[in-house]
Amino acid sequence: MPVALDDTIFVLGVANDFAREWVEKRFTGKVSEALGAVLGLEVGVRVVVDERAAALPVAPASGAPSDAAAATPGATEPGSPESGAPAAGAQRPQSAARRERR
């Protein structure tokens, strides 16, 4: 959740310390680069725990169907027949050559 843009520091609010550390490790560089490209100046990123971010709804678990896939025409979930990707834990059929050798 964007909290502030103070001079050249973009302040991003997250729900807790775990989220703060996770975002700092993975995204501050990318966010800084993107903001720099858009604004045309060097922008630092600071991630803070913010109570307003903690009050936001939680995203569905990774195993749940995503709203983005449902809202995107042609998008499919992994494991669906249309996706071509096997479902988690799916087994591949044995090849005909392997069955014949048995």
PDB file of N, CA and C in Angstrom:
ATOM      1  N   MET A   1       0.846  -1.165   0.000  1.00  0.00           N
ATOM      2  CA  MET A   1       0.000   0.000   0.000  1.00  0.00           C
ATOM      3  C   MET A   1       0.898   1.235   0.000  1.00  0.00           C
ATOM      4  N   PRO A   2       0.800   2.086  -1.017  1.00  0.00           N
ATOM      5  CA  PRO A   2       1.599   3.306  -1.023  1.00  0.00           C
ATOM      6  C   PRO A   2       1.215   4.188   0.161  1.00  0.00           C
ATOM      7  N   VAL A   3       2.209   4.660   0.891  1.00  0.00           N
ATOM      8  CA  VAL A   3       1.946   5.498   2.059  1.00  0.00           C
ATOM      9  C   VAL A   3       2.314   6.943   1.766  1.00  0.00           C
ATOM     10  N   ALA A   4       3.492   7.156   1.154  1.00  0.00           N
ATOM     11  CA  ALA A   4       3.934   8.526   0.905  1.00  0.00           C
ATOM     12  C   ALA A   4       5.036   8.545  -0.143  1.00  0.00           C
ATOM     13  N   LEU A   5       5.214   9.711  -0.740  1.00  0.00           N
ATOM     14  CA  LEU A   5       6.380   9.996  -1.578  1.00  0.00           C
ATOM     15  C   LEU A   5       6.976  11.259  -0.997  1.00  0.00           C
ATOM     16  N   ASP A   6       8.068  11.101  -0.250  1.00  0.00           N
ATOM     17  CA  ASP A   6       8.698  12.206   0.465  1.00  0.00           C
ATOM     18  C   ASP A   6       9.995  12.556  -0.249  1.00  0.00           C
ATOM     19  N   ASP A   7      10.002  13.663  -0.982  1.00  0.00           N
ATOM     20  CA  ASP A   7      11.126  14.056  -1.829  1.00  0.00           C
ATOM     21  C   ASP A   7      11.428  12.931  -2.818  1.00  0.00           C
ATOM     22  N   THR A   8      12.486  12.190  -2.600  1.00  0.00           N
ATOM     23  CA  THR A   8      12.820  11.104  -3.519  1.00  0.00           C
ATOM     24  C   THR A   8      12.782   9.744  -2.821  1.00  0.00           C
ATOM     25  N   ILE A   9      11.975   9.643  -1.750  1.00  0.00           N
ATOM     26  CA  ILE A   9      11.798   8.375  -1.037  1.00  0.00           C
ATOM     27  C   ILE A   9      10.331   7.974  -1.127  1.00  0.00           C
ATOM     28  N   PHE A  10      10.091   6.820  -1.728  1.00  0.00           N
ATOM     29  CA  PHE A  10       8.749   6.248  -1.819  1.00  0.00           C
ATOM     30  C   PHE A  10       8.564   5.346  -0.609  1.00  0.00           C
ATOM     31  N   VAL A  11       7.515   5.582   0.173  1.00  0.00           N
ATOM     32  CA  VAL A  11       7.257   4.801   1.379  1.00  0.00           C
ATOM     33  C   VAL A  11       6.100   3.847   1.090  1.00  0.00           C
ATOM     34  N   LEU A  12       6.379   2.566   1.289  1.00  0.00           N
ATOM     35  CA  LEU A  12       5.409   1.505   1.010  1.00  0.00           C
ATOM     36  C   LEU A  12       5.023   0.841   2.323  1.00  0.00           C
ATOM     37  N   GLY A  13       3.723   0.768   2.609  1.00  0.00           N
ATOM     38  CA  GLY A  13       3.241   0.169   3.849  1.00  0.00           C
ATOM     39  C   GLY A  13       2.827  -1.280   3.648  1.00  0.00           C
ATOM     40  N   VAL A  14       3.216  -2.127   4.593  1.00  0.00           N
ATOM     41  CA  VAL A  14       2.846  -3.547   4.575  1.00  0.00           C
ATOM     42  C   VAL A  14       2.250  -3.920   5.933  1.00  0.00           C
ATOM     43  N   ALA A  15       1.655  -5.113   6.003  1.00  0.00           N
ATOM     44  CA  ALA A  15       0.877  -5.510   7.170  1.00  0.00           C
ATOM     45  C   ALA A  15       1.702  -5.893   8.392  1.00  0.00           C
ATOM     46  N   ASN A  16       2.910  -6.441   8.207  1.00  0.00           N
ATOM     47  CA  ASN A  16       3.671  -6.931   9.362  1.00  0.00           C
ATOM     48  C   ASN A  16       5.164  -6.991   9.035  1.00  0.00           C
ATOM     49  N   ASP A  17       5.966  -7.344  10.058  1.00  0.00           N
ATOM     50  CA  ASP A  17       7.419  -7.394   9.880  1.00  0.00           C
ATOM     51  C   ASP A  17       7.850  -8.445   8.867  1.00  0.00           C
ATOM     52  N   PHE A  18       7.159  -9.586   8.856  1.00  0.00           N
ATOM     53  CA  PHE A  18       7.496 -10.632   7.877  1.00  0.00           C
ATOM     54  C   PHE A  18       7.340 -10.090   6.465  1.00  0.00           C
ATOM     55  N   ALA A  19       6.207  -9.436   6.183  1.00  0.00           N
ATOM     56  CA  ALA A  19       5.959  -8.869   4.858  1.00  0.00           C
ATOM     57  C   ALA A  19       6.978  -7.776   4.544  1.00  0.00           C
ATOM     58  N   ARG A  20       7.339  -6.979   5.548  1.00  0.00           N
ATOM     59  CA  ARG A  20       8.317  -5.916   5.331  1.00  0.00           C
ATOM     60  C   ARG A  20       9.659  -6.497   4.888  1.00  0.00           C
ATOM     61  N   GLU A  21      10.141  -7.504   5.609  1.00  0.00           N
ATOM     62  CA  GLU A  21      11.416  -8.126   5.242  1.00  0.00           C
ATOM     63  C   GLU A  21      11.340  -8.788   3.869  1.00  0.00           C
ATOM     64  N   TRP A  22      10.236  -9.455   3.582  1.00  0.00           N
ATOM     65  CA  TRP A  22      10.065 -10.170   2.316  1.00  0.00           C
ATOM     66  C   TRP A  22      10.074  -9.185   1.146  1.00  0.00           C
ATOM     67  N   VAL A  23       9.330  -8.095   1.290  1.00  0.00           N
ATOM     68  CA  VAL A  23       9.263  -7.091   0.223  1.00  0.00           C
ATOM     69  C   VAL A  23      10.614  -6.396   0.065  1.00  0.00           C
ATOM     70  N   GLU A  24      11.265  -6.074   1.178  1.00  0.00           N
ATOM     71  CA  GLU A  24      12.579  -5.425   1.098  1.00  0.00           C
ATOM     72  C   GLU A  24      13.577  -6.281   0.330  1.00  0.00           C
ATOM     73  N   LYS A  25      13.596  -7.575   0.609  1.00  0.00           N
ATOM     74  CA  LYS A  25      14.558  -8.468  -0.042  1.00  0.00           C
ATOM     75  C   LYS A  25      14.270  -8.669  -1.521  1.00  0.00           C
ATOM     76  N   ARG A  26      13.009  -8.678  -1.897  1.00  0.00           N
ATOM     77  CA  ARG A  26      12.646  -9.078  -3.256  1.00  0.00           C
ATOM     78  C   ARG A  26      12.243  -7.945  -4.199  1.00  0.00           C
ATOM     79  N   PHE A  27      11.722  -6.846  -3.672  1.00  0.00           N
ATOM     80  CA  PHE A  27      11.095  -5.885  -4.569  1.00  0.00           C
ATOM     81  C   PHE A  27      11.571  -4.443  -4.486  1.00  0.00           C
ATOM     82  N   THR A  28      12.311  -4.054  -3.464  1.00  0.00           N
ATOM     83  CA  THR A  28      12.657  -2.631  -3.369  1.00  0.00           C
ATOM     84  C   THR A  28      13.467  -2.149  -4.574  1.00  0.00           C
ATOM     85  N   GLY A  29      14.391  -2.965  -5.060  1.00  0.00           N
ATOM     86  CA  GLY A  29      15.169  -2.572  -6.234  1.00  0.00           C
ATOM     87  C   GLY A  29      14.308  -2.406  -7.470  1.00  0.00           C
ATOM     88  N   LYS A  30      13.391  -3.346  -7.671  1.00  0.00           N
ATOM     89  CA  LYS A  30      12.513  -3.287  -8.849  1.00  0.00           C
ATOM     90  C   LYS A  30      11.567  -2.098  -8.769  1.00  0.00           C
ATOM     91  N   VAL A  31      11.016  -1.845  -7.579  1.00  0.00           N
ATOM     92  CA  VAL A  31      10.110  -0.704  -7.409  1.00  0.00           C
ATOM     93  C   VAL A  31      10.873   0.598  -7.634  1.00  0.00           C
ATOM     94  N   SER A  32      12.080   0.684  -7.092  1.00  0.00           N
ATOM     95  CA  SER A  32      12.900   1.876  -7.270  1.00  0.00           C
ATOM     96  C   SER A  32      13.204   2.131  -8.746  1.00  0.00           C
ATOM     97  N   GLU A  33      13.574   1.074  -9.466  1.00  0.00           N
ATOM     98  CA  GLU A  33      13.850   1.208 -10.905  1.00  0.00           C
ATOM     99  C   GLU A  33      12.615   1.656 -11.673  1.00  0.00           C
ATOM    100  N   ALA A  34      11.468   1.052 -11.374  1.00  0.00           N
ATOM    101  CA  ALA A  34      10.229   1.399 -12.080  1.00  0.00           C
ATOM    102  C   ALA A  34       9.824   2.839 -11.809  1.00  0.00           C
ATOM    103  N   LEU A  35       9.883   3.252 -10.544  1.00  0.00           N
ATOM    104  CA  LEU A  35       9.536   4.635 -10.218  1.00  0.00           C
ATOM    105  C   LEU A  35      10.514   5.613 -10.856  1.00  0.00           C
ATOM    106  N   GLY A  36      11.794   5.250 -10.864  1.00  0.00           N
ATOM    107  CA  GLY A  36      12.797   6.108 -11.492  1.00  0.00           C
ATOM    108  C   GLY A  36      12.533   6.295 -12.970  1.00  0.00           C
ATOM    109  N   ALA A  37      12.128   5.205 -13.626  1.00  0.00           N
ATOM    110  CA  ALA A  37      11.829   5.284 -15.060  1.00  0.00           C
ATOM    111  C   ALA A  37      10.613   6.159 -15.329  1.00  0.00           C
ATOM    112  N   VAL A  38       9.611   6.058 -14.477  1.00  0.00           N
ATOM    113  CA  VAL A  38       8.380   6.835 -14.669  1.00  0.00           C
ATOM    114  C   VAL A  38       8.584   8.302 -14.305  1.00  0.00           C
ATOM    115  N   LEU A  39       9.249   8.543 -13.179  1.00  0.00           N
ATOM    116  CA  LEU A  39       9.399   9.913 -12.689  1.00  0.00           C
ATOM    117  C   LEU A  39      10.604  10.646 -13.266  1.00  0.00           C
ATOM    118  N   GLY A  40      11.546   9.890 -13.841  1.00  0.00           N
ATOM    119  CA  GLY A  40      12.714  10.510 -14.424  1.00  0.00           C
ATOM    120  C   GLY A  40      13.747  10.971 -13.409  1.00  0.00           C
ATOM    121  N   LEU A  41      13.726  10.388 -12.220  1.00  0.00           N
ATOM    122  CA  LEU A  41      14.731  10.709 -11.207  1.00  0.00           C
ATOM    123  C   LEU A  41      14.978   9.496 -10.321  1.00  0.00           C
ATOM    124  N   GLU A  42      16.060   9.533  -9.593  1.00  0.00           N
ATOM    125  CA  GLU A  42      16.406   8.402  -8.731  1.00  0.00           C
ATOM    126  C   GLU A  42      15.496   8.415  -7.503  1.00  0.00           C
ATOM    127  N   VAL A  43      14.816   7.297  -7.250  1.00  0.00           N
ATOM    128  CA  VAL A  43      13.862   7.197  -6.152  1.00  0.00           C
ATOM    129  C   VAL A  43      14.266   6.042  -5.247  1.00  0.00           C
ATOM    130  N   GLY A  44      14.368   6.320  -3.950  1.00  0.00           N
ATOM    131  CA  GLY A  44      14.616   5.279  -2.972  1.00  0.00           C
ATOM    132  C   GLY A  44      13.290   4.703  -2.494  1.00  0.00           C
ATOM    133  N   VAL A  45      13.332   3.514  -1.936  1.00  0.00           N
ATOM    134  CA  VAL A  45      12.121   2.873  -1.434  1.00  0.00           C
ATOM    135  C   VAL A  45      12.339   2.487   0.022  1.00  0.00           C
ATOM    136  N   ARG A  46      11.383   2.845   0.858  1.00  0.00           N
ATOM    137  CA  ARG A  46      11.406   2.451   2.265  1.00  0.00           C
ATOM    138  C   ARG A  46      10.124   1.685   2.545  1.00  0.00           C
ATOM    139  N   VAL A  47      10.247   0.517   3.165  1.00  0.00           N
ATOM    140  CA  VAL A  47       9.093  -0.321   3.479  1.00  0.00           C
ATOM    141  C   VAL A  47       8.850  -0.237   4.976  1.00  0.00           C
ATOM    142  N   VAL A  48       7.614   0.079   5.360  1.00  0.00           N
ATOM    143  CA  VAL A  48       7.258   0.231   6.766  1.00  0.00           C
ATOM    144  C   VAL A  48       6.023  -0.610   7.087  1.00  0.00           C
ATOM    145  N   VAL A  49       5.917  -1.009   8.355  1.00  0.00           N
ATOM    146  CA  VAL A  49       4.693  -1.683   8.811  1.00  0.00           C
ATOM    147  C   VAL A  49       3.655  -0.592   9.039  1.00  0.00           C
ATOM    148  N   ASP A  50       2.481  -0.770   8.444  1.00  0.00           N
ATOM    149  CA  ASP A  50       1.426   0.243   8.508  1.00  0.00           C
ATOM    150  C   ASP A  50       0.107  -0.430   8.869  1.00  0.00           C
ATOM    151  N   GLU A  51      -0.556   0.068   9.880  1.00  0.00           N
ATOM    152  CA  GLU A  51      -1.814  -0.541  10.344  1.00  0.00           C
ATOM    153  C   GLU A  51      -2.903  -0.523   9.279  1.00  0.00           C
ATOM    154  N   ARG A  52      -2.870   0.447   8.389  1.00  0.00           N
ATOM    155  CA  ARG A  52      -3.882   0.484   7.320  1.00  0.00           C
ATOM    156  C   ARG A  52      -3.698  -0.687   6.361  1.00  0.00           C
ATOM    157  N   ALA A  53      -2.449  -1.069   6.101  1.00  0.00           N
ATOM    158  CA  ALA A  53      -2.184  -2.216   5.234  1.00  0.00           C
ATOM    159  C   ALA A  53      -2.647  -3.503   5.905  1.00  0.00           C
ATOM    160  N   ALA A  54      -2.501  -3.585   7.219  1.00  0.00           N
ATOM    161  CA  ALA A  54      -2.938  -4.775   7.958  1.00  0.00           C
ATOM    162  C   ALA A  54      -4.452  -4.940   7.889  1.00  0.00           C
ATOM    163  N   ALA A  55      -5.181  -3.861   7.686  1.00  0.00           N
ATOM    164  CA  ALA A  55      -6.641  -3.922   7.634  1.00  0.00           C
ATOM    165  C   ALA A  55      -7.180  -4.315   6.260  1.00  0.00           C
ATOM    166  N   LEU A  56      -6.319  -4.380   5.246  1.00  0.00           N
ATOM    167  CA  LEU A  56      -6.762  -4.747   3.898  1.00  0.00           C
ATOM    168  C   LEU A  56      -7.101  -6.231   3.827  1.00  0.00           C
ATOM    169  N   PRO A  57      -8.004  -6.645   2.914  1.00  0.00           N
ATOM    170  CA  PRO A  57      -8.332  -8.070   2.761  1.00  0.00           C
ATOM    171  C   PRO A  57      -7.108  -8.875   2.339  1.00  0.00           C
ATOM    172  N   VAL A  58      -7.063 -10.114   2.781  1.00  0.00           N
ATOM    173  CA  VAL A  58      -5.952 -11.014   2.460  1.00  0.00           C
ATOM    174  C   VAL A  58      -6.227 -11.690   1.130  1.00  0.00           C
ATOM    175  N   ALA A  59      -5.186 -11.839   0.303  1.00  0.00           N
ATOM    176  CA  ALA A  59      -5.306 -12.516  -0.993  1.00  0.00           C
ATOM    177  C   ALA A  59      -5.555 -14.003  -0.768  1.00  0.00           C
ATOM    178  N   PRO A  60      -6.217 -14.699  -1.714  1.00  0.00           N
ATOM    179  CA  PRO A  60      -6.459 -16.137  -1.566  1.00  0.00           C
ATOM    180  C   PRO A  60      -5.147 -16.920  -1.558  1.00  0.00           C
ATOM    181  N   ALA A  61      -5.191 -18.090  -0.946  1.00  0.00           N
ATOM    182  CA  ALA A  61      -4.014 -18.968  -0.897  1.00  0.00           C
ATOM    183  C   ALA A  61      -3.592 -19.342  -2.307  1.00  0.00           C
ATOM    184  N   SER A  62      -2.327 -19.739  -2.468  1.00  0.00           N
ATOM    185  CA  SER A  62      -1.797 -20.024  -3.799  1.00  0.00           C
ATOM    186  C   SER A  62      -2.509 -21.180  -4.481  1.00  0.00           C
ATOM    187  N   GLY A  63      -3.144 -22.076  -3.746  1.00  0.00           N
ATOM    188  CA  GLY A  63      -3.843 -23.205  -4.348  1.00  0.00           C
ATOM    189  C   GLY A  63      -5.234 -22.847  -4.844  1.00  0.00           C
ATOM    190  N   ALA A  64      -5.730 -21.678  -4.430  1.00  0.00           N
ATOM    191  CA  ALA A  64      -7.070 -21.258  -4.832  1.00  0.00           C
ATOM    192  C   ALA A  64      -7.029 -20.647  -6.224  1.00  0.00           C
ATOM    193  N   PRO A  65      -8.126 -20.754  -6.977  1.00  0.00           N
ATOM    194  CA  PRO A  65      -8.159 -20.128  -8.304  1.00  0.00           C
ATOM    195  C   PRO A  65      -7.956 -18.626  -8.152  1.00  0.00           C
ATOM    196  N   SER A  66      -7.199 -18.054  -9.035  1.00  0.00           N
ATOM    197  CA  SER A  66      -6.914 -16.628  -8.938  1.00  0.00           C
ATOM    198  C   SER A  66      -7.996 -15.816  -9.640  1.00  0.00           C
ATOM    199  N   ASP A  67      -8.286 -14.647  -9.072  1.00  0.00           N
ATOM    200  CA  ASP A  67      -9.240 -13.740  -9.702  1.00  0.00           C
ATOM    201  C   ASP A  67      -8.685 -13.231 -11.021  1.00  0.00           C
ATOM    202  N   ALA A  68      -7.354 -13.068 -11.105  1.00  0.00           N
ATOM    203  CA  ALA A  68      -6.736 -12.579 -12.335  1.00  0.00           C
ATOM    204  C   ALA A  68      -6.962 -13.560 -13.476  1.00  0.00           C
ATOM    205  N   ALA A  69      -6.820 -14.862 -13.202  1.00  0.00           N
ATOM    206  CA  ALA A  69      -7.034 -15.863 -14.249  1.00  0.00           C
ATOM    207  C   ALA A  69      -8.502 -15.872 -14.668  1.00  0.00           C
ATOM    208  N   ALA A  70      -9.388 -15.699 -13.710  1.00  0.00           N
ATOM    209  CA  ALA A  70     -10.814 -15.704 -14.031  1.00  0.00           C
ATOM    210  C   ALA A  70     -11.201 -14.469 -14.834  1.00  0.00           C
ATOM    211  N   ALA A  71     -10.514 -13.349 -14.564  1.00  0.00           N
ATOM    212  CA  ALA A  71     -10.854 -12.103 -15.235  1.00  0.00           C
ATOM    213  C   ALA A  71     -10.131 -11.920 -16.561  1.00  0.00           C
ATOM    214  N   THR A  72      -9.141 -12.748 -16.837  1.00  0.00           N
ATOM    215  CA  THR A  72      -8.358 -12.611 -18.052  1.00  0.00           C
ATOM    216  C   THR A  72      -8.863 -13.583 -19.107  1.00  0.00           C
ATOM    217  N   PRO A  73      -9.383 -13.081 -20.225  1.00  0.00           N
ATOM    218  CA  PRO A  73      -9.856 -13.987 -21.269  1.00  0.00           C
ATOM    219  C   PRO A  73      -8.723 -14.880 -21.754  1.00  0.00           C
ATOM    220  N   GLY A  74      -8.999 -16.170 -21.837  1.00  0.00           N
ATOM    221  CA  GLY A  74      -8.014 -17.117 -22.331  1.00  0.00           C
ATOM    222  C   GLY A  74      -7.072 -17.636 -21.267  1.00  0.00           C
ATOM    223  N   ALA A  75      -7.119 -17.058 -20.047  1.00  0.00           N
ATOM    224  CA  ALA A  75      -6.236 -17.524 -18.976  1.00  0.00           C
ATOM    225  C   ALA A  75      -6.803 -18.804 -18.375  1.00  0.00           C
ATOM    226  N   THR A  76      -5.917 -19.703 -17.985  1.00  0.00           N
ATOM    227  CA  THR A  76      -6.350 -20.961 -17.385  1.00  0.00           C
ATOM    228  C   THR A  76      -5.517 -21.259 -16.153  1.00  0.00           C
ATOM    229  N   GLU A  77      -6.059 -22.069 -15.282  1.00  0.00           N
ATOM    230  CA  GLU A  77      -5.349 -22.495 -14.089  1.00  0.00           C
ATOM    231  C   GLU A  77      -4.481 -23.699 -14.433  1.00  0.00           C
ATOM    232  N   PRO A  78      -3.295 -23.836 -13.808  1.00  0.00           N
ATOM    233  CA  PRO A  78      -2.481 -25.038 -14.023  1.00  0.00           C
ATOM    234  C   PRO A  78      -3.276 -26.284 -13.646  1.00  0.00           C
ATOM    235  N   GLY A  79      -3.156 -27.304 -14.452  1.00  0.00           N
ATOM    236  CA  GLY A  79      -3.876 -28.550 -14.187  1.00  0.00           C
ATOM    237  C   GLY A  79      -5.208 -28.641 -14.906  1.00  0.00           C
ATOM    238  N   SER A  80      -5.699 -27.524 -15.455  1.00  0.00           N
ATOM    239  CA  SER A  80      -6.939 -27.602 -16.208  1.00  0.00           C
ATOM    240  C   SER A  80      -6.624 -28.167 -17.586  1.00  0.00           C
ATOM    241  N   PRO A  81      -7.569 -28.838 -18.205  1.00  0.00           N
ATOM    242  CA  PRO A  81      -7.297 -29.431 -19.520  1.00  0.00           C
ATOM    243  C   PRO A  81      -6.845 -28.399 -20.549  1.00  0.00           C
ATOM    244  N   GLU A  82      -7.314 -27.161 -20.419  1.00  0.00           N
ATOM    245  CA  GLU A  82      -6.965 -26.132 -21.398  1.00  0.00           C
ATOM    246  C   GLU A  82      -5.547 -25.621 -21.228  1.00  0.00           C
ATOM    247  N   SER A  83      -4.983 -25.733 -20.016  1.00  0.00           N
ATOM    248  CA  SER A  83      -3.682 -25.114 -19.750  1.00  0.00           C
ATOM    249  C   SER A  83      -2.524 -25.886 -20.352  1.00  0.00           C
ATOM    250  N   GLY A  84      -2.661 -27.198 -20.459  1.00  0.00           N
ATOM    251  CA  GLY A  84      -1.562 -28.011 -20.943  1.00  0.00           C
ATOM    252  C   GLY A  84      -0.550 -28.325 -19.857  1.00  0.00           C
ATOM    253  N   ALA A  85      -0.674 -27.693 -18.704  1.00  0.00           N
ATOM    254  CA  ALA A  85       0.242 -27.939 -17.585  1.00  0.00           C
ATOM    255  C   ALA A  85      -0.368 -28.995 -16.678  1.00  0.00           C
ATOM    256  N   PRO A  86       0.433 -29.957 -16.218  1.00  0.00           N
ATOM    257  CA  PRO A  86      -0.114 -30.983 -15.336  1.00  0.00           C
ATOM    258  C   PRO A  86      -0.486 -30.412 -13.983  1.00  0.00           C
ATOM    259  N   ALA A  87      -1.492 -30.984 -13.370  1.00  0.00           N
ATOM    260  CA  ALA A  87      -1.871 -30.592 -12.023  1.00  0.00           C
ATOM    261  C   ALA A  87      -0.796 -31.064 -11.063  1.00  0.00           C
ATOM    262  N   ALA A  88      -0.706 -30.415  -9.926  1.00  0.00           N
ATOM    263  CA  ALA A  88       0.281 -30.817  -8.921  1.00  0.00           C
ATOM    264  C   ALA A  88       0.042 -32.268  -8.534  1.00  0.00           C
ATOM    265  N   GLY A  89       1.091 -33.069  -8.541  1.00  0.00           N
ATOM    266  CA  GLY A  89       0.984 -34.467  -8.150  1.00  0.00           C
ATOM    267  C   GLY A  89       0.483 -35.384  -9.252  1.00  0.00           C
ATOM    268  N   ALA A  90       0.231 -34.839 -10.441  1.00  0.00           N
ATOM    269  CA  ALA A  90      -0.275 -35.668 -11.544  1.00  0.00           C
ATOM    270  C   ALA A  90       0.828 -36.601 -12.034  1.00  0.00           C
ATOM    271  N   GLN A  91       0.445 -37.807 -12.428  1.00  0.00           N
ATOM    272  CA  GLN A  91       1.416 -38.760 -12.940  1.00  0.00           C
ATOM    273  C   GLN A  91       1.330 -38.805 -14.452  1.00  0.00           C
ATOM    274  N   ARG A  92       2.482 -39.002 -15.077  1.00  0.00           N
ATOM    275  CA  ARG A  92       2.522 -39.113 -16.532  1.00  0.00           C
ATOM    276  C   ARG A  92       2.182 -40.536 -16.928  1.00  0.00           C
ATOM    277  N   PRO A  93       1.500 -40.705 -18.047  1.00  0.00           N
ATOM    278  CA  PRO A  93       1.235 -42.069 -18.517  1.00  0.00           C
ATOM    279  C   PRO A  93       2.526 -42.725 -18.997  1.00  0.00           C
ATOM    280  N   GLN A  94       2.627 -44.009 -18.822  1.00  0.00           N
ATOM    281  CA  GLN A  94       3.814 -44.719 -19.304  1.00  0.00           C
ATOM    282  C   GLN A  94       3.807 -44.728 -20.824  1.00  0.00           C
ATOM    283  N   SER A  95       4.995 -44.678 -21.407  1.00  0.00           N
ATOM    284  CA  SER A  95       5.076 -44.699 -22.859  1.00  0.00           C
ATOM    285  C   SER A  95       4.750 -46.112 -23.345  1.00  0.00           C
ATOM    286  N   ALA A  96       4.336 -46.229 -24.576  1.00  0.00           N
ATOM    287  CA  ALA A  96       3.994 -47.530 -25.157  1.00  0.00           C
ATOM    288  C   ALA A  96       5.208 -48.448 -25.160  1.00  0.00           C
ATOM    289  N   ALA A  97       6.407 -47.875 -25.405  1.00  0.00           N
ATOM    290  CA  ALA A  97       7.611 -48.702 -25.445  1.00  0.00           C
ATOM    291  C   ALA A  97       7.910 -49.298 -24.073  1.00  0.00           C
ATOM    292  N   ARG A  98       7.707 -48.561 -23.019  1.00  0.00           N
ATOM    293  CA  ARG A  98       7.962 -49.085 -21.679  1.00  0.00           C
ATOM    294  C   ARG A  98       6.961 -50.177 -21.327  1.00  0.00           C
ATOM    295  N   ARG A  99       5.697 -50.021 -21.759  1.00  0.00           N
ATOM    296  CA  ARG A  99       4.686 -51.036 -21.449  1.00  0.00           C
ATOM    297  C   ARG A  99       4.995 -52.333 -22.202  1.00  0.00           C
ATOM    298  N   GLU A 100       5.506 -52.231 -23.434  1.00  0.00           N
ATOM    299  CA  GLU A 100       5.787 -53.411 -24.227  1.00  0.00           C
ATOM    300  C   GLU A 100       6.953 -54.223 -23.650  1.00  0.00           C
ATOM    301  N   ARG A 101       7.926 -53.556 -23.026  1.00  0.00           N
ATOM    302  CA  ARG A 101       9.094 -54.254 -22.477  1.00  0.00           C
ATOM    303  C   ARG A 101       8.722 -55.074 -21.250  1.00  0.00           C
ATOM    304  N   ARG A 102       7.652 -54.791 -20.625  1.00  0.00           N
ATOM    305  CA  ARG A 102       7.291 -55.499 -19.395  1.00  0.00           C
ATOM    306  C   ARG A 102       6.727 -56.810 -19.692  1.00  0.00           C
TER     307      ARG A 102
END
